[in-house]
């Protein structure tokens, strides 16, 4: 579901607790992924949820700064007019 305001939404989870992928709700192509292959190093290895969430949120924050801020929107509009 696309919204006017950009928001962060997790789209793929590992065991319903660890976020692996997220998206910007206002952009159809903006997806943020964790490079987790699913291969387990040991039977006791468990990825850290907080670290994965922070990585995805940082990627989303960068996306918002580059795409959804007023200067970025104005620059894209000027490029579209040319």
C-alpha atoms as a PDB file:
ATOM      1  CA  UNK A   1       0.000   0.000   0.000  1.00  0.00           C
ATOM      2  CA  UNK A   2       1.470   3.353  -1.063  1.00  0.00           C
ATOM      3  CA  UNK A   3       1.041   6.433   1.100  1.00  0.00           C
ATOM      4  CA  UNK A   4       1.773  10.094   0.498  1.00  0.00           C
ATOM      5  CA  UNK A   5       3.982  10.444   3.566  1.00  0.00           C
ATOM      6  CA  UNK A   6       7.128   8.245   3.614  1.00  0.00           C
ATOM      7  CA  UNK A   7       7.044   5.746   6.451  1.00  0.00           C
ATOM      8  CA  UNK A   8       9.165   2.740   7.356  1.00  0.00           C
ATOM      9  CA  UNK A   9       7.555  -0.700   7.078  1.00  0.00           C
ATOM     10  CA  UNK A  10       9.198  -4.082   7.642  1.00  0.00           C
ATOM     11  CA  UNK A  11       8.165  -6.512   4.901  1.00  0.00           C
ATOM     12  CA  UNK A  12      10.133  -9.683   5.683  1.00  0.00           C
ATOM     13  CA  UNK A  13      10.918 -11.268   9.049  1.00  0.00           C
ATOM     14  CA  UNK A  14      13.004 -14.213  10.203  1.00  0.00           C
ATOM     15  CA  UNK A  15      11.090 -16.199  12.838  1.00  0.00           C
ATOM     16  CA  UNK A  16       8.712 -13.231  13.265  1.00  0.00           C
ATOM     17  CA  UNK A  17      11.258 -11.423  15.443  1.00  0.00           C
ATOM     18  CA  UNK A  18      14.207 -10.421  13.255  1.00  0.00           C
ATOM     19  CA  UNK A  19      13.648  -7.895  10.427  1.00  0.00           C
ATOM     20  CA  UNK A  20      15.327  -8.756   7.118  1.00  0.00           C
ATOM     21  CA  UNK A  21      13.688  -6.360   4.616  1.00  0.00           C
ATOM     22  CA  UNK A  22      11.829  -3.071   4.783  1.00  0.00           C
ATOM     23  CA  UNK A  23      10.392  -0.511   2.395  1.00  0.00           C
ATOM     24  CA  UNK A  24       9.405   3.130   2.087  1.00  0.00           C
ATOM     25  CA  UNK A  25       5.614   3.235   1.892  1.00  0.00           C
ATOM     26  CA  UNK A  26       5.566   6.147  -0.556  1.00  0.00           C
ATOM     27  CA  UNK A  27       8.089   4.781  -3.081  1.00  0.00           C
ATOM     28  CA  UNK A  28       7.360   1.702  -5.202  1.00  0.00           C
ATOM     29  CA  UNK A  29      11.042   0.777  -5.663  1.00  0.00           C
ATOM     30  CA  UNK A  30      12.632   1.723  -2.329  1.00  0.00           C
ATOM     31  CA  UNK A  31      13.540  -1.489  -0.520  1.00  0.00           C
ATOM     32  CA  UNK A  32      16.133  -1.958   2.196  1.00  0.00           C
ATOM     33  CA  UNK A  33      17.641  -5.391   2.822  1.00  0.00           C
ATOM     34  CA  UNK A  34      19.901  -7.116   5.285  1.00  0.00           C
ATOM     35  CA  UNK A  35      22.563  -9.287   3.679  1.00  0.00           C
ATOM     36  CA  UNK A  36      21.660 -12.407   5.651  1.00  0.00           C
ATOM     37  CA  UNK A  37      22.061 -15.636   3.691  1.00  0.00           C
ATOM     38  CA  UNK A  38      20.240 -17.800   6.202  1.00  0.00           C
ATOM     39  CA  UNK A  39      23.254 -20.045   6.718  1.00  0.00           C
ATOM     40  CA  UNK A  40      23.720 -20.751  10.379  1.00  0.00           C
ATOM     41  CA  UNK A  41      27.293 -20.639  11.699  1.00  0.00           C
ATOM     42  CA  UNK A  42      26.465 -22.770  14.714  1.00  0.00           C
ATOM     43  CA  UNK A  43      23.300 -24.193  16.227  1.00  0.00           C
ATOM     44  CA  UNK A  44      23.458 -21.479  18.891  1.00  0.00           C
ATOM     45  CA  UNK A  45      23.876 -18.517  16.521  1.00  0.00           C
ATOM     46  CA  UNK A  46      20.974 -16.068  16.503  1.00  0.00           C
ATOM     47  CA  UNK A  47      21.149 -12.767  14.601  1.00  0.00           C
ATOM     48  CA  UNK A  48      20.685  -9.685  16.734  1.00  0.00           C
ATOM     49  CA  UNK A  49      17.293  -8.078  16.152  1.00  0.00           C
ATOM     50  CA  UNK A  50      18.320  -4.610  17.358  1.00  0.00           C
ATOM     51  CA  UNK A  51      21.318  -4.405  15.046  1.00  0.00           C
ATOM     52  CA  UNK A  52      19.305  -5.472  12.019  1.00  0.00           C
ATOM     53  CA  UNK A  53      16.527  -2.970  12.803  1.00  0.00           C
ATOM     54  CA  UNK A  54      19.041  -0.149  13.274  1.00  0.00           C
ATOM     55  CA  UNK A  55      20.653  -0.983   9.910  1.00  0.00           C
ATOM     56  CA  UNK A  56      17.295  -0.917   8.109  1.00  0.00           C
ATOM     57  CA  UNK A  57      16.223   2.314   9.822  1.00  0.00           C
ATOM     58  CA  UNK A  58      19.525   4.004   8.935  1.00  0.00           C
ATOM     59  CA  UNK A  59      19.070   3.030   5.277  1.00  0.00           C
ATOM     60  CA  UNK A  60      15.514   4.413   5.388  1.00  0.00           C
ATOM     61  CA  UNK A  61      16.695   7.670   6.995  1.00  0.00           C
ATOM     62  CA  UNK A  62      19.299   8.088   4.255  1.00  0.00           C
ATOM     63  CA  UNK A  63      16.634   7.409   1.605  1.00  0.00           C
ATOM     64  CA  UNK A  64      14.314  10.028   3.130  1.00  0.00           C
ATOM     65  CA  UNK A  65      17.130  12.598   3.237  1.00  0.00           C
ATOM     66  CA  UNK A  66      18.066  11.938  -0.393  1.00  0.00           C
ATOM     67  CA  UNK A  67      14.590  11.592  -1.901  1.00  0.00           C
ATOM     68  CA  UNK A  68      11.903  13.161   0.266  1.00  0.00           C
ATOM     69  CA  UNK A  69      13.454  16.403   1.561  1.00  0.00           C
ATOM     70  CA  UNK A  70      12.421  19.696  -0.062  1.00  0.00           C
ATOM     71  CA  UNK A  71      15.759  20.336  -1.847  1.00  0.00           C
ATOM     72  CA  UNK A  72      15.777  16.813  -3.309  1.00  0.00           C
ATOM     73  CA  UNK A  73      12.152  17.111  -4.452  1.00  0.00           C
ATOM     74  CA  UNK A  74      12.825  20.523  -6.018  1.00  0.00           C
ATOM     75  CA  UNK A  75      15.922  19.194  -7.807  1.00  0.00           C
ATOM     76  CA  UNK A  76      13.985  16.235  -9.251  1.00  0.00           C
ATOM     77  CA  UNK A  77      11.171  18.552 -10.382  1.00  0.00           C
ATOM     78  CA  UNK A  78      13.691  20.819 -12.125  1.00  0.00           C
ATOM     79  CA  UNK A  79      15.277  17.815 -13.865  1.00  0.00           C
ATOM     80  CA  UNK A  80      11.852  16.613 -15.007  1.00  0.00           C
ATOM     81  CA  UNK A  81      11.076  20.021 -16.541  1.00  0.00           C
ATOM     82  CA  UNK A  82      14.226  19.909 -18.713  1.00  0.00           C
END
